[in-house]
Amino acid sequence: MQPNFNRYRPLQIARFVKVVFKGHFGIKGIGEFHFDGGKVLLPDVSNKKQLKVMKEVNSAIAELSMQV
């Protein structure tokens, strides 16, 4: 299952990653991401936008974990 998100919404993506736990997804205009263990894995570090998205989504996952 590989969803392609049309918009970048960190909280929505964080919920998906937390529930599915392992896989990959895409964000239109940004690129493809892989995740494992409920965390987005480090993308190509030369792409600063993907690196920023990874950090924001992982922060949103951490916030969701704290709310439980």
PDB file of N, CA and C in Angstrom:
ATOM      1  N   MET A   1       0.843  -1.183   0.000  1.00  0.00           N
ATOM      2  CA  MET A   1       0.000   0.000   0.000  1.00  0.00           C
ATOM      3  C   MET A   1       0.883   1.239   0.000  1.00  0.00           C
ATOM      4  N   GLN A   2       0.800   2.001  -1.062  1.00  0.00           N
ATOM      5  CA  GLN A   2       1.587   3.218  -1.145  1.00  0.00           C
ATOM      6  C   GLN A   2       0.680   4.392  -1.489  1.00  0.00           C
ATOM      7  N   PRO A   3       0.254   5.131  -0.469  1.00  0.00           N
ATOM      8  CA  PRO A   3      -0.571   6.302  -0.779  1.00  0.00           C
ATOM      9  C   PRO A   3       0.285   7.444  -1.299  1.00  0.00           C
ATOM     10  N   ASN A   4      -0.307   8.228  -2.150  1.00  0.00           N
ATOM     11  CA  ASN A   4       0.317   9.456  -2.621  1.00  0.00           C
ATOM     12  C   ASN A   4      -0.527  10.606  -2.106  1.00  0.00           C
ATOM     13  N   PHE A   5       0.036  11.344  -1.182  1.00  0.00           N
ATOM     14  CA  PHE A   5      -0.662  12.490  -0.616  1.00  0.00           C
ATOM     15  C   PHE A   5      -0.562  13.659  -1.574  1.00  0.00           C
ATOM     16  N   ASN A   6      -1.690  14.296  -1.866  1.00  0.00           N
ATOM     17  CA  ASN A   6      -1.690  15.445  -2.777  1.00  0.00           C
ATOM     18  C   ASN A   6      -1.185  16.711  -2.097  1.00  0.00           C
ATOM     19  N   ARG A   7      -1.383  16.800  -0.799  1.00  0.00           N
ATOM     20  CA  ARG A   7      -0.936  17.960  -0.022  1.00  0.00           C
ATOM     21  C   ARG A   7      -0.068  17.491   1.122  1.00  0.00           C
ATOM     22  N   TYR A   8       0.830  18.338   1.518  1.00  0.00           N
ATOM     23  CA  TYR A   8       1.701  18.024   2.640  1.00  0.00           C
ATOM     24  C   TYR A   8       1.023  18.450   3.931  1.00  0.00           C
ATOM     25  N   ARG A   9       0.529  17.470   4.678  1.00  0.00           N
ATOM     26  CA  ARG A   9      -0.101  17.698   5.985  1.00  0.00           C
ATOM     27  C   ARG A   9       0.609  16.778   6.986  1.00  0.00           C
ATOM     28  N   PRO A  10       1.551  17.331   7.747  1.00  0.00           N
ATOM     29  CA  PRO A  10       2.367  16.500   8.642  1.00  0.00           C
ATOM     30  C   PRO A  10       1.563  15.620   9.595  1.00  0.00           C
ATOM     31  N   LEU A  11       0.492  16.147  10.173  1.00  0.00           N
ATOM     32  CA  LEU A  11      -0.290  15.372  11.138  1.00  0.00           C
ATOM     33  C   LEU A  11      -0.989  14.192  10.472  1.00  0.00           C
ATOM     34  N   GLN A  12      -1.541  14.399   9.295  1.00  0.00           N
ATOM     35  CA  GLN A  12      -2.207  13.323   8.561  1.00  0.00           C
ATOM     36  C   GLN A  12      -1.198  12.231   8.189  1.00  0.00           C
ATOM     37  N   ILE A  13      -0.039  12.625   7.724  1.00  0.00           N
ATOM     38  CA  ILE A  13       0.998  11.665   7.343  1.00  0.00           C
ATOM     39  C   ILE A  13       1.517  10.942   8.583  1.00  0.00           C
ATOM     40  N   ALA A  14       1.669  11.661   9.689  1.00  0.00           N
ATOM     41  CA  ALA A  14       2.141  11.055  10.935  1.00  0.00           C
ATOM     42  C   ALA A  14       1.170   9.975  11.411  1.00  0.00           C
ATOM     43  N   ARG A  15      -0.116  10.237  11.312  1.00  0.00           N
ATOM     44  CA  ARG A  15      -1.115   9.234  11.706  1.00  0.00           C
ATOM     45  C   ARG A  15      -1.003   7.985  10.839  1.00  0.00           C
ATOM     46  N   PHE A  16      -0.824   8.195   9.532  1.00  0.00           N
ATOM     47  CA  PHE A  16      -0.674   7.070   8.610  1.00  0.00           C
ATOM     48  C   PHE A  16       0.558   6.242   8.969  1.00  0.00           C
ATOM     49  N   VAL A  17       1.691   6.900   9.180  1.00  0.00           N
ATOM     50  CA  VAL A  17       2.942   6.207   9.485  1.00  0.00           C
ATOM     51  C   VAL A  17       2.821   5.443  10.808  1.00  0.00           C
ATOM     52  N   LYS A  18       2.183   6.060  11.782  1.00  0.00           N
ATOM     53  CA  LYS A  18       2.047   5.432  13.099  1.00  0.00           C
ATOM     54  C   LYS A  18       1.161   4.185  13.039  1.00  0.00           C
ATOM     55  N   VAL A  19       0.118   4.218  12.228  1.00  0.00           N
ATOM     56  CA  VAL A  19      -0.808   3.098  12.130  1.00  0.00           C
ATOM     57  C   VAL A  19      -0.228   1.965  11.273  1.00  0.00           C
ATOM     58  N   VAL A  20       0.329   2.301  10.126  1.00  0.00           N
ATOM     59  CA  VAL A  20       0.814   1.280   9.189  1.00  0.00           C
ATOM     60  C   VAL A  20       2.154   0.716   9.647  1.00  0.00           C
ATOM     61  N   PHE A  21       3.016   1.539  10.247  1.00  0.00           N
ATOM     62  CA  PHE A  21       4.264   1.155  10.910  1.00  0.00           C
ATOM     63  C   PHE A  21       5.427   0.883   9.964  1.00  0.00           C
ATOM     64  N   LYS A  22       5.199   0.310   8.780  1.00  0.00           N
ATOM     65  CA  LYS A  22       6.298   0.025   7.853  1.00  0.00           C
ATOM     66  C   LYS A  22       5.794   0.108   6.426  1.00  0.00           C
ATOM     67  N   GLY A  23       6.546   0.788   5.563  1.00  0.00           N
ATOM     68  CA  GLY A  23       6.160   0.899   4.167  1.00  0.00           C
ATOM     69  C   GLY A  23       6.751   2.135   3.525  1.00  0.00           C
ATOM     70  N   HIS A  24       5.991   2.707   2.588  1.00  0.00           N
ATOM     71  CA  HIS A  24       6.439   3.923   1.917  1.00  0.00           C
ATOM     72  C   HIS A  24       5.230   4.711   1.437  1.00  0.00           C
ATOM     73  N   PHE A  25       5.477   5.986   1.175  1.00  0.00           N
ATOM     74  CA  PHE A  25       4.426   6.881   0.700  1.00  0.00           C
ATOM     75  C   PHE A  25       5.061   7.965  -0.140  1.00  0.00           C
ATOM     76  N   GLY A  26       4.236   8.685  -0.868  1.00  0.00           N
ATOM     77  CA  GLY A  26       4.705   9.793  -1.682  1.00  0.00           C
ATOM     78  C   GLY A  26       3.918  11.050  -1.379  1.00  0.00           C
ATOM     79  N   ILE A  27       4.567  12.182  -1.580  1.00  0.00           N
ATOM     80  CA  ILE A  27       3.906  13.476  -1.434  1.00  0.00           C
ATOM     81  C   ILE A  27       4.097  14.214  -2.751  1.00  0.00           C
ATOM     82  N   LYS A  28       2.996  14.616  -3.343  1.00  0.00           N
ATOM     83  CA  LYS A  28       3.037  15.293  -4.638  1.00  0.00           C
ATOM     84  C   LYS A  28       3.912  16.538  -4.564  1.00  0.00           C
ATOM     85  N   GLY A  29       4.862  16.618  -5.457  1.00  0.00           N
ATOM     86  CA  GLY A  29       5.752  17.772  -5.532  1.00  0.00           C
ATOM     87  C   GLY A  29       6.953  17.706  -4.600  1.00  0.00           C
ATOM     88  N   ILE A  30       6.996  16.692  -3.716  1.00  0.00           N
ATOM     89  CA  ILE A  30       8.111  16.588  -2.771  1.00  0.00           C
ATOM     90  C   ILE A  30       8.911  15.315  -3.010  1.00  0.00           C
ATOM     91  N   GLY A  31       8.229  14.161  -3.130  1.00  0.00           N
ATOM     92  CA  GLY A  31       8.940  12.930  -3.420  1.00  0.00           C
ATOM     93  C   GLY A  31       8.454  11.732  -2.630  1.00  0.00           C
ATOM     94  N   GLU A  32       9.239  10.663  -2.710  1.00  0.00           N
ATOM     95  CA  GLU A  32       8.931   9.393  -2.058  1.00  0.00           C
ATOM     96  C   GLU A  32       9.664   9.287  -0.728  1.00  0.00           C
ATOM     97  N   PHE A  33       9.003   8.643   0.237  1.00  0.00           N
ATOM     98  CA  PHE A  33       9.578   8.435   1.564  1.00  0.00           C
ATOM     99  C   PHE A  33       9.331   6.995   1.996  1.00  0.00           C
ATOM    100  N   HIS A  34      10.266   6.457   2.767  1.00  0.00           N
ATOM    101  CA  HIS A  34      10.128   5.127   3.356  1.00  0.00           C
ATOM    102  C   HIS A  34      10.064   5.292   4.869  1.00  0.00           C
ATOM    103  N   PHE A  35       9.349   4.377   5.508  1.00  0.00           N
ATOM    104  CA  PHE A  35       9.286   4.426   6.966  1.00  0.00           C
ATOM    105  C   PHE A  35       9.314   3.014   7.525  1.00  0.00           C
ATOM    106  N   ASP A  36       9.833   2.909   8.729  1.00  0.00           N
ATOM    107  CA  ASP A  36       9.937   1.624   9.411  1.00  0.00           C
ATOM    108  C   ASP A  36       9.933   1.897  10.907  1.00  0.00           C
ATOM    109  N   GLY A  37       9.273   1.039  11.648  1.00  0.00           N
ATOM    110  CA  GLY A  37       9.211   1.214  13.091  1.00  0.00           C
ATOM    111  C   GLY A  37       8.430   2.445  13.504  1.00  0.00           C
ATOM    112  N   GLY A  38       7.530   2.909  12.638  1.00  0.00           N
ATOM    113  CA  GLY A  38       6.734   4.079  12.968  1.00  0.00           C
ATOM    114  C   GLY A  38       7.474   5.396  12.839  1.00  0.00           C
ATOM    115  N   LYS A  39       8.610   5.394  12.145  1.00  0.00           N
ATOM    116  CA  LYS A  39       9.387   6.624  11.916  1.00  0.00           C
ATOM    117  C   LYS A  39       9.760   6.723  10.444  1.00  0.00           C
ATOM    118  N   VAL A  40       9.749   7.943   9.917  1.00  0.00           N
ATOM    119  CA  VAL A  40      10.182   8.169   8.542  1.00  0.00           C
ATOM    120  C   VAL A  40      11.700   8.060   8.519  1.00  0.00           C
ATOM    121  N   LEU A  41      12.203   7.285   7.559  1.00  0.00           N
ATOM    122  CA  LEU A  41      13.638   7.065   7.446  1.00  0.00           C
ATOM    123  C   LEU A  41      14.307   8.225   6.717  1.00  0.00           C
ATOM    124  N   LEU A  42      15.592   8.374   6.952  1.00  0.00           N
ATOM    125  CA  LEU A  42      16.375   9.456   6.358  1.00  0.00           C
ATOM    126  C   LEU A  42      16.341   9.373   4.832  1.00  0.00           C
ATOM    127  N   PRO A  43      15.843  10.422   4.173  1.00  0.00           N
ATOM    128  CA  PRO A  43      15.813  10.437   2.707  1.00  0.00           C
ATOM    129  C   PRO A  43      17.173  10.873   2.155  1.00  0.00           C
ATOM    130  N   ASP A  44      17.202  11.138   0.873  1.00  0.00           N
ATOM    131  CA  ASP A  44      18.407  11.656   0.224  1.00  0.00           C
ATOM    132  C   ASP A  44      18.766  12.987   0.869  1.00  0.00           C
ATOM    133  N   VAL A  45      19.909  13.049   1.563  1.00  0.00           N
ATOM    134  CA  VAL A  45      20.258  14.252   2.323  1.00  0.00           C
ATOM    135  C   VAL A  45      20.600  15.445   1.435  1.00  0.00           C
ATOM    136  N   SER A  46      20.787  15.223   0.147  1.00  0.00           N
ATOM    137  CA  SER A  46      21.061  16.361  -0.736  1.00  0.00           C
ATOM    138  C   SER A  46      19.787  17.161  -1.024  1.00  0.00           C
ATOM    139  N   ASN A  47      18.624  16.556  -0.784  1.00  0.00           N
ATOM    140  CA  ASN A  47      17.350  17.241  -0.993  1.00  0.00           C
ATOM    141  C   ASN A  47      16.885  17.814   0.346  1.00  0.00           C
ATOM    142  N   LYS A  48      17.107  19.105   0.540  1.00  0.00           N
ATOM    143  CA  LYS A  48      16.792  19.764   1.819  1.00  0.00           C
ATOM    144  C   LYS A  48      15.300  19.753   2.129  1.00  0.00           C
ATOM    145  N   LYS A  49      14.466  19.816   1.100  1.00  0.00           N
ATOM    146  CA  LYS A  49      13.022  19.830   1.326  1.00  0.00           C
ATOM    147  C   LYS A  49      12.559  18.492   1.911  1.00  0.00           C
ATOM    148  N   GLN A  50      13.071  17.377   1.375  1.00  0.00           N
ATOM    149  CA  GLN A  50      12.710  16.063   1.904  1.00  0.00           C
ATOM    150  C   GLN A  50      13.224  15.895   3.330  1.00  0.00           C
ATOM    151  N   LEU A  51      14.400  16.407   3.604  1.00  0.00           N
ATOM    152  CA  LEU A  51      14.963  16.316   4.954  1.00  0.00           C
ATOM    153  C   LEU A  51      14.089  17.077   5.952  1.00  0.00           C
ATOM    154  N   LYS A  52      13.617  18.262   5.552  1.00  0.00           N
ATOM    155  CA  LYS A  52      12.743  19.065   6.411  1.00  0.00           C
ATOM    156  C   LYS A  52      11.417  18.346   6.666  1.00  0.00           C
ATOM    157  N   VAL A  53      10.845  17.750   5.619  1.00  0.00           N
ATOM    158  CA  VAL A  53       9.586  17.016   5.749  1.00  0.00           C
ATOM    159  C   VAL A  53       9.760  15.844   6.704  1.00  0.00           C
ATOM    160  N   MET A  54      10.868  15.095   6.575  1.00  0.00           N
ATOM    161  CA  MET A  54      11.125  13.958   7.461  1.00  0.00           C
ATOM    162  C   MET A  54      11.160  14.408   8.918  1.00  0.00           C
ATOM    163  N   LYS A  55      11.845  15.501   9.191  1.00  0.00           N
ATOM    164  CA  LYS A  55      11.942  16.000  10.567  1.00  0.00           C
ATOM    165  C   LYS A  55      10.572  16.418  11.103  1.00  0.00           C
ATOM    166  N   GLU A  56       9.782  17.111  10.285  1.00  0.00           N
ATOM    167  CA  GLU A  56       8.471  17.574  10.726  1.00  0.00           C
ATOM    168  C   GLU A  56       7.510  16.415  10.981  1.00  0.00           C
ATOM    169  N   VAL A  57       7.521  15.417  10.103  1.00  0.00           N
ATOM    170  CA  VAL A  57       6.625  14.279  10.277  1.00  0.00           C
ATOM    171  C   VAL A  57       7.038  13.469  11.504  1.00  0.00           C
ATOM    172  N   ASN A  58       8.333  13.254  11.694  1.00  0.00           N
ATOM    173  CA  ASN A  58       8.786  12.510  12.875  1.00  0.00           C
ATOM    174  C   ASN A  58       8.457  13.269  14.164  1.00  0.00           C
ATOM    175  N   SER A  59       8.505  14.588  14.127  1.00  0.00           N
ATOM    176  CA  SER A  59       8.102  15.384  15.295  1.00  0.00           C
ATOM    177  C   SER A  59       6.608  15.226  15.572  1.00  0.00           C
ATOM    178  N   ALA A  60       5.805  15.212  14.511  1.00  0.00           N
ATOM    179  CA  ALA A  60       4.362  15.029  14.671  1.00  0.00           C
ATOM    180  C   ALA A  60       4.059  13.630  15.218  1.00  0.00           C
ATOM    181  N   ILE A  61       4.820  12.621  14.801  1.00  0.00           N
ATOM    182  CA  ILE A  61       4.647  11.264  15.341  1.00  0.00           C
ATOM    183  C   ILE A  61       4.961  11.252  16.829  1.00  0.00           C
ATOM    184  N   ALA A  62       6.028  11.929  17.221  1.00  0.00           N
ATOM    185  CA  ALA A  62       6.395  11.990  18.635  1.00  0.00           C
ATOM    186  C   ALA A  62       5.295  12.682  19.451  1.00  0.00           C
ATOM    187  N   GLU A  63       4.715  13.736  18.916  1.00  0.00           N
ATOM    188  CA  GLU A  63       3.625  14.431  19.598  1.00  0.00           C
ATOM    189  C   GLU A  63       2.406  13.527  19.751  1.00  0.00           C
ATOM    190  N   LEU A  64       2.105  12.747  18.713  1.00  0.00           N
ATOM    191  CA  LEU A  64       0.977  11.820  18.798  1.00  0.00           C
ATOM    192  C   LEU A  64       1.223  10.762  19.861  1.00  0.00           C
ATOM    193  N   SER A  65       2.450  10.315  19.979  1.00  0.00           N
ATOM    194  CA  SER A  65       2.790   9.310  20.980  1.00  0.00           C
ATOM    195  C   SER A  65       2.645   9.839  22.394  1.00  0.00           C
ATOM    196  N   MET A  66       2.916  11.119  22.574  1.00  0.00           N
ATOM    197  CA  MET A  66       2.807  11.740  23.882  1.00  0.00           C
ATOM    198  C   MET A  66       1.344  11.921  24.304  1.00  0.00           C
ATOM    199  N   GLN A  67       0.453  12.062  23.351  1.00  0.00           N
ATOM    200  CA  GLN A  67      -0.962  12.301  23.632  1.00  0.00           C
ATOM    201  C   GLN A  67      -1.668  11.055  24.140  1.00  0.00           C
ATOM    202  N   VAL A  68      -1.129   9.900  23.870  1.00  0.00           N
ATOM    203  CA  VAL A  68      -1.797   8.643  24.243  1.00  0.00           C
ATOM    204  C   VAL A  68      -1.750   8.383  25.693  1.00  0.00           C
TER     205      VAL A  68
END
